[in-house]
């Protein structure tokens, strides 16, 4: 699929602020199933932009506005081509003990330190155990939305897995954090993914939709054969399915705090009013190729 993305963020301050420092993680990733054909960022007031890759390989765009200002606009545009992922490998649990799996999984096998205590996840852990790592990944993608309601406002950006359990509801970020805890307890390396989801209805035939930043996960599944390398397989527990060409990945980390879209500070006592919108447009592949 071919997409044009526009991510427009605007801050309005009650009075002038200064030394406004920001870090953006908004550039779509380049992967085996995703290609970035165009990307640029425009900032108003104008600022010098610097780029680097973070520990997990996500591009970070940093800039600072030193002079006093009462507004900040960040206009991000990109063109991305995605492809359908290959069929995920189906192997038994014994393959997790294979040579190289632990090394490939690394820190994505480790707990985050924010898991609920007192056996709060015991029943969910037992219910999510299936016949294989892939079957467990598919089962979790159904089990979590079965047990918890998707409801905006039930949690906030800093909510924990315990908050999701207490509220019985949450958003995509919460569903992913719960899935990560359970997968890692099963011995499956798993990571948090931030990006966008093409959510237009095929029946309505929309070519452009307003979306929000979306979260899903990638689990490291062992491949068959003696030399088969483990592969990362995306799964979207909010939408009960594996990730596909409709998912546009920005980056990944151990949890949300590793890949926030925008993070910043400024000097001043003024409150800020924020407006943010993401527009995702499906392009004609032939027209995109000629562009």
C-alpha atoms as a PDB file:
ATOM      1  CA  UNK A   1       0.000   0.000   0.000  1.00  0.00           C
ATOM      2  CA  UNK A   2       1.099   3.566  -0.725  1.00  0.00           C
ATOM      3  CA  UNK A   3       0.421   6.288   1.845  1.00  0.00           C
ATOM      4  CA  UNK A   4       0.943   9.989   2.278  1.00  0.00           C
ATOM      5  CA  UNK A   5       1.141  11.064   5.910  1.00  0.00           C
ATOM      6  CA  UNK A   6       0.778  14.496   7.465  1.00  0.00           C
ATOM      7  CA  UNK A   7       1.289  14.986  11.183  1.00  0.00           C
ATOM      8  CA  UNK A   8       0.522  18.564  12.210  1.00  0.00           C
ATOM      9  CA  UNK A   9       1.088  19.651  15.819  1.00  0.00           C
ATOM     10  CA  UNK A  10       0.409  23.193  17.018  1.00  0.00           C
ATOM     11  CA  UNK A  11       1.026  24.701  20.438  1.00  0.00           C
ATOM     12  CA  UNK A  12      -0.438  28.048  21.518  1.00  0.00           C
ATOM     13  CA  UNK A  13       1.021  29.584  24.683  1.00  0.00           C
ATOM     14  CA  UNK A  14      -0.824  31.995  26.985  1.00  0.00           C
ATOM     15  CA  UNK A  15       2.254  34.237  26.982  1.00  0.00           C
ATOM     16  CA  UNK A  16       5.669  34.066  25.419  1.00  0.00           C
ATOM     17  CA  UNK A  17       8.032  31.214  26.288  1.00  0.00           C
ATOM     18  CA  UNK A  18      11.666  30.559  25.368  1.00  0.00           C
ATOM     19  CA  UNK A  19      14.285  27.809  25.121  1.00  0.00           C
ATOM     20  CA  UNK A  20      11.705  25.389  23.733  1.00  0.00           C
ATOM     21  CA  UNK A  21      13.541  22.061  23.304  1.00  0.00           C
ATOM     22  CA  UNK A  22      11.840  19.141  21.549  1.00  0.00           C
ATOM     23  CA  UNK A  23      12.600  15.566  20.477  1.00  0.00           C
ATOM     24  CA  UNK A  24      10.403  13.979  17.792  1.00  0.00           C
ATOM     25  CA  UNK A  25      10.054  10.329  16.850  1.00  0.00           C
ATOM     26  CA  UNK A  26       7.866  10.695  13.782  1.00  0.00           C
ATOM     27  CA  UNK A  27       9.871   9.414  10.803  1.00  0.00           C
ATOM     28  CA  UNK A  28       8.503   6.091   9.497  1.00  0.00           C
ATOM     29  CA  UNK A  29      10.979   3.244   9.835  1.00  0.00           C
ATOM     30  CA  UNK A  30      12.680   1.475   6.964  1.00  0.00           C
ATOM     31  CA  UNK A  31      12.130  -2.275   7.288  1.00  0.00           C
ATOM     32  CA  UNK A  32      11.924  -5.361   5.081  1.00  0.00           C
ATOM     33  CA  UNK A  33       8.233  -4.579   4.445  1.00  0.00           C
ATOM     34  CA  UNK A  34       8.257  -0.763   4.562  1.00  0.00           C
ATOM     35  CA  UNK A  35       9.999   1.901   2.451  1.00  0.00           C
ATOM     36  CA  UNK A  36      10.094   5.667   2.985  1.00  0.00           C
ATOM     37  CA  UNK A  37      10.035   7.560  -0.323  1.00  0.00           C
ATOM     38  CA  UNK A  38       9.865  11.086   1.075  1.00  0.00           C
ATOM     39  CA  UNK A  39      10.065  12.756   4.477  1.00  0.00           C
ATOM     40  CA  UNK A  40      10.458  16.305   5.735  1.00  0.00           C
ATOM     41  CA  UNK A  41       9.758  18.412   8.806  1.00  0.00           C
ATOM     42  CA  UNK A  42       8.957  22.126   8.952  1.00  0.00           C
ATOM     43  CA  UNK A  43       9.029  24.049  12.230  1.00  0.00           C
ATOM     44  CA  UNK A  44       7.614  27.515  12.924  1.00  0.00           C
ATOM     45  CA  UNK A  45       9.365  29.503  14.376  1.00  0.00           C
ATOM     46  CA  UNK A  46      12.230  28.231  12.256  1.00  0.00           C
ATOM     47  CA  UNK A  47      14.832  26.181  14.081  1.00  0.00           C
ATOM     48  CA  UNK A  48      17.930  24.213  13.283  1.00  0.00           C
ATOM     49  CA  UNK A  49      17.096  20.506  13.152  1.00  0.00           C
ATOM     50  CA  UNK A  50      19.451  17.727  14.209  1.00  0.00           C
ATOM     51  CA  UNK A  51      18.922  13.991  13.719  1.00  0.00           C
ATOM     52  CA  UNK A  52      20.285  10.836  15.300  1.00  0.00           C
ATOM     53  CA  UNK A  53      19.264   7.221  15.924  1.00  0.00           C
ATOM     54  CA  UNK A  54      18.334   6.244  19.453  1.00  0.00           C
ATOM     55  CA  UNK A  55      19.383   3.033  21.197  1.00  0.00           C
ATOM     56  CA  UNK A  56      16.603   1.051  19.513  1.00  0.00           C
ATOM     57  CA  UNK A  57      17.268   2.428  16.013  1.00  0.00           C
ATOM     58  CA  UNK A  58      14.424   4.965  15.827  1.00  0.00           C
ATOM     59  CA  UNK A  59      15.301   8.293  14.234  1.00  0.00           C
ATOM     60  CA  UNK A  60      15.099  11.181  16.703  1.00  0.00           C
ATOM     61  CA  UNK A  61      14.675  14.727  15.372  1.00  0.00           C
ATOM     62  CA  UNK A  62      15.742  17.410  17.830  1.00  0.00           C
ATOM     63  CA  UNK A  63      15.397  21.182  17.679  1.00  0.00           C
ATOM     64  CA  UNK A  64      15.294  24.167  19.974  1.00  0.00           C
ATOM     65  CA  UNK A  65      13.656  27.587  19.703  1.00  0.00           C
ATOM     66  CA  UNK A  66      15.658  29.982  21.859  1.00  0.00           C
ATOM     67  CA  UNK A  67      13.920  33.296  21.182  1.00  0.00           C
ATOM     68  CA  UNK A  68      10.628  34.214  22.896  1.00  0.00           C
ATOM     69  CA  UNK A  69       7.553  32.948  21.019  1.00  0.00           C
ATOM     70  CA  UNK A  70       3.836  32.426  21.664  1.00  0.00           C
ATOM     71  CA  UNK A  71       3.245  29.516  19.278  1.00  0.00           C
ATOM     72  CA  UNK A  72       5.006  26.443  17.902  1.00  0.00           C
ATOM     73  CA  UNK A  73       3.988  24.544  14.782  1.00  0.00           C
ATOM     74  CA  UNK A  74       5.494  21.194  13.737  1.00  0.00           C
ATOM     75  CA  UNK A  75       4.473  20.020  10.267  1.00  0.00           C
ATOM     76  CA  UNK A  76       5.634  16.497   9.340  1.00  0.00           C
ATOM     77  CA  UNK A  77       5.016  14.967   5.906  1.00  0.00           C
ATOM     78  CA  UNK A  78       5.994  11.584   4.519  1.00  0.00           C
ATOM     79  CA  UNK A  79       5.334   9.116   1.716  1.00  0.00           C
ATOM     80  CA  UNK A  80       5.535   5.449   2.631  1.00  0.00           C
ATOM     81  CA  UNK A  81       5.128   2.151   0.775  1.00  0.00           C
ATOM     82  CA  UNK A  82       4.221  -0.964   2.767  1.00  0.00           C
ATOM     83  CA  UNK A  83       4.042  -4.643   1.814  1.00  0.00           C
ATOM     84  CA  UNK A  84       2.214  -7.592   3.307  1.00  0.00           C
ATOM     85  CA  UNK A  85       4.464  -9.419   5.819  1.00  0.00           C
ATOM     86  CA  UNK A  86       5.367 -13.039   5.056  1.00  0.00           C
ATOM     87  CA  UNK A  87       3.573 -15.845   6.831  1.00  0.00           C
ATOM     88  CA  UNK A  88       4.935 -16.149  10.391  1.00  0.00           C
ATOM     89  CA  UNK A  89       6.854 -19.296  11.376  1.00  0.00           C
ATOM     90  CA  UNK A  90       5.040 -22.025  13.272  1.00  0.00           C
ATOM     91  CA  UNK A  91       7.367 -23.851  15.672  1.00  0.00           C
ATOM     92  CA  UNK A  92       6.965 -25.559  19.034  1.00  0.00           C
ATOM     93  CA  UNK A  93       7.845 -24.171  22.461  1.00  0.00           C
ATOM     94  CA  UNK A  94      11.087 -26.134  22.481  1.00  0.00           C
ATOM     95  CA  UNK A  95      12.429 -23.800  19.771  1.00  0.00           C
ATOM     96  CA  UNK A  96      12.663 -20.965  22.321  1.00  0.00           C
ATOM     97  CA  UNK A  97      15.571 -22.852  23.865  1.00  0.00           C
ATOM     98  CA  UNK A  98      17.356 -23.006  20.524  1.00  0.00           C
ATOM     99  CA  UNK A  99      20.809 -21.550  20.024  1.00  0.00           C
ATOM    100  CA  UNK A 100      20.725 -17.816  19.474  1.00  0.00           C
ATOM    101  CA  UNK A 101      17.147 -17.084  20.563  1.00  0.00           C
ATOM    102  CA  UNK A 102      18.084 -15.538  23.904  1.00  0.00           C
ATOM    103  CA  UNK A 103      20.826 -13.478  22.265  1.00  0.00           C
ATOM    104  CA  UNK A 104      18.410 -12.236  19.597  1.00  0.00           C
ATOM    105  CA  UNK A 105      15.729 -11.421  22.181  1.00  0.00           C
ATOM    106  CA  UNK A 106      18.079  -9.507  24.459  1.00  0.00           C
ATOM    107  CA  UNK A 107      16.394  -6.963  26.728  1.00  0.00           C
ATOM    108  CA  UNK A 108      13.018  -7.664  25.102  1.00  0.00           C
ATOM    109  CA  UNK A 109      12.886 -10.845  27.189  1.00  0.00           C
ATOM    110  CA  UNK A 110      13.308  -8.971  30.476  1.00  0.00           C
ATOM    111  CA  UNK A 111      10.489  -7.661  32.692  1.00  0.00           C
ATOM    112  CA  UNK A 112      10.060  -3.890  32.855  1.00  0.00           C
ATOM    113  CA  UNK A 113       9.740  -3.751  36.627  1.00  0.00           C
ATOM    114  CA  UNK A 114       6.185  -2.375  36.442  1.00  0.00           C
ATOM    115  CA  UNK A 115       4.321  -5.683  36.374  1.00  0.00           C
ATOM    116  CA  UNK A 116       1.446  -6.186  38.845  1.00  0.00           C
ATOM    117  CA  UNK A 117       2.277  -8.169  41.960  1.00  0.00           C
ATOM    118  CA  UNK A 118       0.392 -10.705  44.069  1.00  0.00           C
ATOM    119  CA  UNK A 119      -0.434 -12.989  41.162  1.00  0.00           C
ATOM    120  CA  UNK A 120      -2.765 -10.483  39.506  1.00  0.00           C
ATOM    121  CA  UNK A 121      -1.928 -11.860  36.068  1.00  0.00           C
ATOM    122  CA  UNK A 122      -1.902 -15.544  36.956  1.00  0.00           C
ATOM    123  CA  UNK A 123      -5.256 -16.376  35.386  1.00  0.00           C
ATOM    124  CA  UNK A 124      -4.528 -14.367  32.222  1.00  0.00           C
ATOM    125  CA  UNK A 125      -1.144 -16.051  31.923  1.00  0.00           C
ATOM    126  CA  UNK A 126      -2.706 -19.522  32.110  1.00  0.00           C
ATOM    127  CA  UNK A 127      -5.514 -18.571  29.705  1.00  0.00           C
ATOM    128  CA  UNK A 128      -3.070 -17.216  27.118  1.00  0.00           C
ATOM    129  CA  UNK A 129      -0.879 -20.333  26.920  1.00  0.00           C
ATOM    130  CA  UNK A 130      -1.461 -22.059  23.585  1.00  0.00           C
ATOM    131  CA  UNK A 131       0.153 -24.897  21.652  1.00  0.00           C
ATOM    132  CA  UNK A 132       3.003 -22.806  20.237  1.00  0.00           C
ATOM    133  CA  UNK A 133       4.536 -19.298  20.460  1.00  0.00           C
ATOM    134  CA  UNK A 134       2.650 -18.206  17.328  1.00  0.00           C
ATOM    135  CA  UNK A 135      -0.636 -19.644  18.606  1.00  0.00           C
ATOM    136  CA  UNK A 136      -0.074 -17.812  21.904  1.00  0.00           C
ATOM    137  CA  UNK A 137       0.510 -14.543  20.035  1.00  0.00           C
ATOM    138  CA  UNK A 138      -2.731 -15.015  18.091  1.00  0.00           C
ATOM    139  CA  UNK A 139      -4.628 -16.018  21.235  1.00  0.00           C
ATOM    140  CA  UNK A 140      -3.449 -12.941  23.150  1.00  0.00           C
ATOM    141  CA  UNK A 141      -4.620 -10.730  20.293  1.00  0.00           C
ATOM    142  CA  UNK A 142      -8.130 -12.070  20.902  1.00  0.00           C
ATOM    143  CA  UNK A 143      -8.025 -12.584  24.666  1.00  0.00           C
ATOM    144  CA  UNK A 144      -7.092  -9.033  25.682  1.00  0.00           C
ATOM    145  CA  UNK A 145      -9.907  -7.255  23.785  1.00  0.00           C
ATOM    146  CA  UNK A 146     -12.300  -9.958  25.020  1.00  0.00           C
ATOM    147  CA  UNK A 147     -11.410  -9.237  28.653  1.00  0.00           C
ATOM    148  CA  UNK A 148     -10.954  -5.446  28.490  1.00  0.00           C
ATOM    149  CA  UNK A 149     -13.026  -2.678  26.963  1.00  0.00           C
ATOM    150  CA  UNK A 150     -11.403  -0.213  24.592  1.00  0.00           C
ATOM    151  CA  UNK A 151     -12.380   3.145  26.092  1.00  0.00           C
ATOM    152  CA  UNK A 152     -10.628   6.460  25.665  1.00  0.00           C
ATOM    153  CA  UNK A 153     -10.258   8.356  28.909  1.00  0.00           C
ATOM    154  CA  UNK A 154     -10.206   5.227  31.077  1.00  0.00           C
ATOM    155  CA  UNK A 155      -6.431   5.565  31.424  1.00  0.00           C
ATOM    156  CA  UNK A 156      -3.789   8.199  30.696  1.00  0.00           C
ATOM    157  CA  UNK A 157      -0.379   8.232  29.036  1.00  0.00           C
ATOM    158  CA  UNK A 158       1.415   7.242  32.262  1.00  0.00           C
ATOM    159  CA  UNK A 159      -0.969   4.433  33.239  1.00  0.00           C
ATOM    160  CA  UNK A 160       0.367   1.042  34.305  1.00  0.00           C
ATOM    161  CA  UNK A 161      -0.851  -2.484  33.631  1.00  0.00           C
ATOM    162  CA  UNK A 162      -2.372  -2.447  37.116  1.00  0.00           C
ATOM    163  CA  UNK A 163      -4.416   0.620  36.118  1.00  0.00           C
ATOM    164  CA  UNK A 164      -5.798  -1.351  33.164  1.00  0.00           C
ATOM    165  CA  UNK A 165      -6.710  -4.256  35.429  1.00  0.00           C
ATOM    166  CA  UNK A 166      -8.422  -1.946  37.919  1.00  0.00           C
ATOM    167  CA  UNK A 167     -10.401  -0.016  35.294  1.00  0.00           C
ATOM    168  CA  UNK A 168     -11.266  -3.004  33.117  1.00  0.00           C
ATOM    169  CA  UNK A 169     -10.721  -0.703  30.146  1.00  0.00           C
ATOM    170  CA  UNK A 170      -7.979   1.173  28.351  1.00  0.00           C
ATOM    171  CA  UNK A 171      -6.569   2.091  24.958  1.00  0.00           C
ATOM    172  CA  UNK A 172      -4.115   0.533  22.520  1.00  0.00           C
ATOM    173  CA  UNK A 173      -1.098   1.498  24.633  1.00  0.00           C
ATOM    174  CA  UNK A 174      -2.521  -0.353  27.641  1.00  0.00           C
ATOM    175  CA  UNK A 175      -3.435  -3.447  25.632  1.00  0.00           C
ATOM    176  CA  UNK A 176       0.107  -3.634  24.266  1.00  0.00           C
ATOM    177  CA  UNK A 177       1.743  -3.186  27.672  1.00  0.00           C
ATOM    178  CA  UNK A 178      -0.337  -6.068  29.056  1.00  0.00           C
ATOM    179  CA  UNK A 179       0.507  -8.273  26.080  1.00  0.00           C
ATOM    180  CA  UNK A 180       4.226  -7.531  26.496  1.00  0.00           C
ATOM    181  CA  UNK A 181       4.170  -8.627  30.136  1.00  0.00           C
ATOM    182  CA  UNK A 182       2.381 -11.882  29.323  1.00  0.00           C
ATOM    183  CA  UNK A 183       4.527 -12.733  26.283  1.00  0.00           C
ATOM    184  CA  UNK A 184       7.740 -12.177  28.228  1.00  0.00           C
ATOM    185  CA  UNK A 185       6.433 -14.387  31.039  1.00  0.00           C
ATOM    186  CA  UNK A 186       5.934 -17.083  28.412  1.00  0.00           C
ATOM    187  CA  UNK A 187       9.585 -16.675  27.419  1.00  0.00           C
ATOM    188  CA  UNK A 188       8.778 -14.852  24.166  1.00  0.00           C
ATOM    189  CA  UNK A 189      10.746 -11.683  23.463  1.00  0.00           C
ATOM    190  CA  UNK A 190       8.361  -8.816  22.694  1.00  0.00           C
ATOM    191  CA  UNK A 191       8.638  -5.080  21.971  1.00  0.00           C
ATOM    192  CA  UNK A 192       6.336  -2.053  21.859  1.00  0.00           C
ATOM    193  CA  UNK A 193       5.712  -0.512  18.422  1.00  0.00           C
ATOM    194  CA  UNK A 194       4.501   3.012  17.702  1.00  0.00           C
ATOM    195  CA  UNK A 195       3.060   4.084  14.354  1.00  0.00           C
ATOM    196  CA  UNK A 196      -0.137   4.627  12.394  1.00  0.00           C
ATOM    197  CA  UNK A 197      -2.954   2.339  11.288  1.00  0.00           C
ATOM    198  CA  UNK A 198      -4.908   2.764   8.059  1.00  0.00           C
ATOM    199  CA  UNK A 199      -8.443   2.401   9.392  1.00  0.00           C
ATOM    200  CA  UNK A 200     -10.652   3.417   6.470  1.00  0.00           C
ATOM    201  CA  UNK A 201     -13.512   1.117   5.626  1.00  0.00           C
ATOM    202  CA  UNK A 202     -13.157  -0.717   2.327  1.00  0.00           C
ATOM    203  CA  UNK A 203     -16.908  -0.466   1.809  1.00  0.00           C
ATOM    204  CA  UNK A 204     -16.901   3.326   2.106  1.00  0.00           C
ATOM    205  CA  UNK A 205     -13.907   3.652  -0.185  1.00  0.00           C
ATOM    206  CA  UNK A 206     -12.297   6.578   1.658  1.00  0.00           C
ATOM    207  CA  UNK A 207      -8.911   7.674   0.351  1.00  0.00           C
ATOM    208  CA  UNK A 208      -8.066   9.961   3.284  1.00  0.00           C
ATOM    209  CA  UNK A 209      -8.787   9.590   7.002  1.00  0.00           C
ATOM    210  CA  UNK A 210      -7.904  11.290  10.263  1.00  0.00           C
ATOM    211  CA  UNK A 211      -6.043   8.864  12.542  1.00  0.00           C
ATOM    212  CA  UNK A 212      -4.194   8.917  15.846  1.00  0.00           C
ATOM    213  CA  UNK A 213      -0.846   7.499  16.814  1.00  0.00           C
ATOM    214  CA  UNK A 214      -1.378   3.767  17.214  1.00  0.00           C
ATOM    215  CA  UNK A 215       0.396   1.076  19.234  1.00  0.00           C
ATOM    216  CA  UNK A 216       0.922  -2.599  18.545  1.00  0.00           C
ATOM    217  CA  UNK A 217       3.678  -5.081  19.347  1.00  0.00           C
ATOM    218  CA  UNK A 218       6.254  -7.307  17.718  1.00  0.00           C
ATOM    219  CA  UNK A 219       7.055 -10.748  19.119  1.00  0.00           C
ATOM    220  CA  UNK A 220      10.244 -12.620  18.295  1.00  0.00           C
ATOM    221  CA  UNK A 221       9.222 -16.042  16.991  1.00  0.00           C
ATOM    222  CA  UNK A 222      11.755 -18.823  16.474  1.00  0.00           C
ATOM    223  CA  UNK A 223      12.030 -20.096  12.920  1.00  0.00           C
ATOM    224  CA  UNK A 224      12.248 -23.758  11.956  1.00  0.00           C
ATOM    225  CA  UNK A 225      15.438 -25.527  10.941  1.00  0.00           C
ATOM    226  CA  UNK A 226      18.917 -25.494  12.419  1.00  0.00           C
ATOM    227  CA  UNK A 227      19.912 -22.188  10.783  1.00  0.00           C
ATOM    228  CA  UNK A 228      16.580 -20.428  10.858  1.00  0.00           C
ATOM    229  CA  UNK A 229      16.904 -16.959  12.398  1.00  0.00           C
ATOM    230  CA  UNK A 230      14.141 -15.789  14.756  1.00  0.00           C
ATOM    231  CA  UNK A 231      11.796 -13.261  13.138  1.00  0.00           C
ATOM    232  CA  UNK A 232       9.822 -10.337  14.550  1.00  0.00           C
ATOM    233  CA  UNK A 233       6.099 -10.717  13.929  1.00  0.00           C
ATOM    234  CA  UNK A 234       3.709  -7.818  14.489  1.00  0.00           C
ATOM    235  CA  UNK A 235       0.406  -8.260  16.318  1.00  0.00           C
ATOM    236  CA  UNK A 236      -2.331  -5.725  17.095  1.00  0.00           C
ATOM    237  CA  UNK A 237      -4.336  -6.744  20.197  1.00  0.00           C
ATOM    238  CA  UNK A 238      -6.579  -3.690  19.840  1.00  0.00           C
ATOM    239  CA  UNK A 239      -7.812  -4.932  16.451  1.00  0.00           C
ATOM    240  CA  UNK A 240      -7.605  -8.699  17.102  1.00  0.00           C
ATOM    241  CA  UNK A 241      -5.123  -9.528  14.343  1.00  0.00           C
ATOM    242  CA  UNK A 242      -1.549  -9.708  13.225  1.00  0.00           C
ATOM    243  CA  UNK A 243      -0.046  -6.520  11.830  1.00  0.00           C
ATOM    244  CA  UNK A 244      -0.280  -6.097   8.062  1.00  0.00           C
ATOM    245  CA  UNK A 245       0.444  -3.653   5.263  1.00  0.00           C
ATOM    246  CA  UNK A 246      -2.102  -1.289   6.839  1.00  0.00           C
ATOM    247  CA  UNK A 247       0.305  -0.650   9.739  1.00  0.00           C
ATOM    248  CA  UNK A 248       2.960   2.048   9.263  1.00  0.00           C
ATOM    249  CA  UNK A 249       5.742   1.646  11.801  1.00  0.00           C
ATOM    250  CA  UNK A 250       7.607   4.585  13.340  1.00  0.00           C
ATOM    251  CA  UNK A 251       9.785   2.793  15.883  1.00  0.00           C
ATOM    252  CA  UNK A 252       9.950   0.341  18.743  1.00  0.00           C
ATOM    253  CA  UNK A 253      11.209  -0.011  22.302  1.00  0.00           C
ATOM    254  CA  UNK A 254      10.602  -1.964  25.473  1.00  0.00           C
ATOM    255  CA  UNK A 255       7.565   0.196  26.331  1.00  0.00           C
ATOM    256  CA  UNK A 256       5.800   3.419  25.349  1.00  0.00           C
ATOM    257  CA  UNK A 257       8.303   5.683  27.121  1.00  0.00           C
ATOM    258  CA  UNK A 258      10.991   4.544  24.653  1.00  0.00           C
ATOM    259  CA  UNK A 259       9.093   5.864  21.595  1.00  0.00           C
ATOM    260  CA  UNK A 260       6.944   8.908  22.489  1.00  0.00           C
ATOM    261  CA  UNK A 261       6.066  10.882  19.313  1.00  0.00           C
ATOM    262  CA  UNK A 262       6.922  14.244  20.876  1.00  0.00           C
ATOM    263  CA  UNK A 263       8.740  15.096  24.075  1.00  0.00           C
ATOM    264  CA  UNK A 264       9.810  18.569  25.068  1.00  0.00           C
ATOM    265  CA  UNK A 265      10.324  21.297  27.653  1.00  0.00           C
ATOM    266  CA  UNK A 266      10.292  25.089  27.567  1.00  0.00           C
ATOM    267  CA  UNK A 267      11.201  27.981  29.852  1.00  0.00           C
ATOM    268  CA  UNK A 268       8.271  30.033  31.030  1.00  0.00           C
ATOM    269  CA  UNK A 269       5.166  29.869  33.214  1.00  0.00           C
ATOM    270  CA  UNK A 270       2.581  29.959  30.401  1.00  0.00           C
ATOM    271  CA  UNK A 271       0.195  27.067  29.854  1.00  0.00           C
ATOM    272  CA  UNK A 272       0.044  25.555  26.379  1.00  0.00           C
ATOM    273  CA  UNK A 273      -2.999  24.728  24.271  1.00  0.00           C
ATOM    274  CA  UNK A 274      -2.310  21.767  21.982  1.00  0.00           C
ATOM    275  CA  UNK A 275      -3.921  20.761  18.694  1.00  0.00           C
ATOM    276  CA  UNK A 276      -2.644  17.689  16.851  1.00  0.00           C
ATOM    277  CA  UNK A 277      -3.938  15.905  13.770  1.00  0.00           C
ATOM    278  CA  UNK A 278      -2.665  13.035  11.659  1.00  0.00           C
ATOM    279  CA  UNK A 279      -4.015  12.650   8.130  1.00  0.00           C
ATOM    280  CA  UNK A 280      -3.365   9.396   6.299  1.00  0.00           C
ATOM    281  CA  UNK A 281      -4.042   9.296   2.553  1.00  0.00           C
ATOM    282  CA  UNK A 282      -3.993   6.232   0.342  1.00  0.00           C
ATOM    283  CA  UNK A 283      -2.171   6.928  -2.920  1.00  0.00           C
ATOM    284  CA  UNK A 284      -2.467   5.309  -6.307  1.00  0.00           C
ATOM    285  CA  UNK A 285       0.623   3.059  -6.648  1.00  0.00           C
ATOM    286  CA  UNK A 286       1.314   4.072 -10.256  1.00  0.00           C
ATOM    287  CA  UNK A 287       1.026   7.776  -9.464  1.00  0.00           C
ATOM    288  CA  UNK A 288       3.287   7.315  -6.437  1.00  0.00           C
ATOM    289  CA  UNK A 289       5.894   5.536  -8.548  1.00  0.00           C
ATOM    290  CA  UNK A 290       5.959   8.425 -11.067  1.00  0.00           C
ATOM    291  CA  UNK A 291       6.236  11.088  -8.363  1.00  0.00           C
END
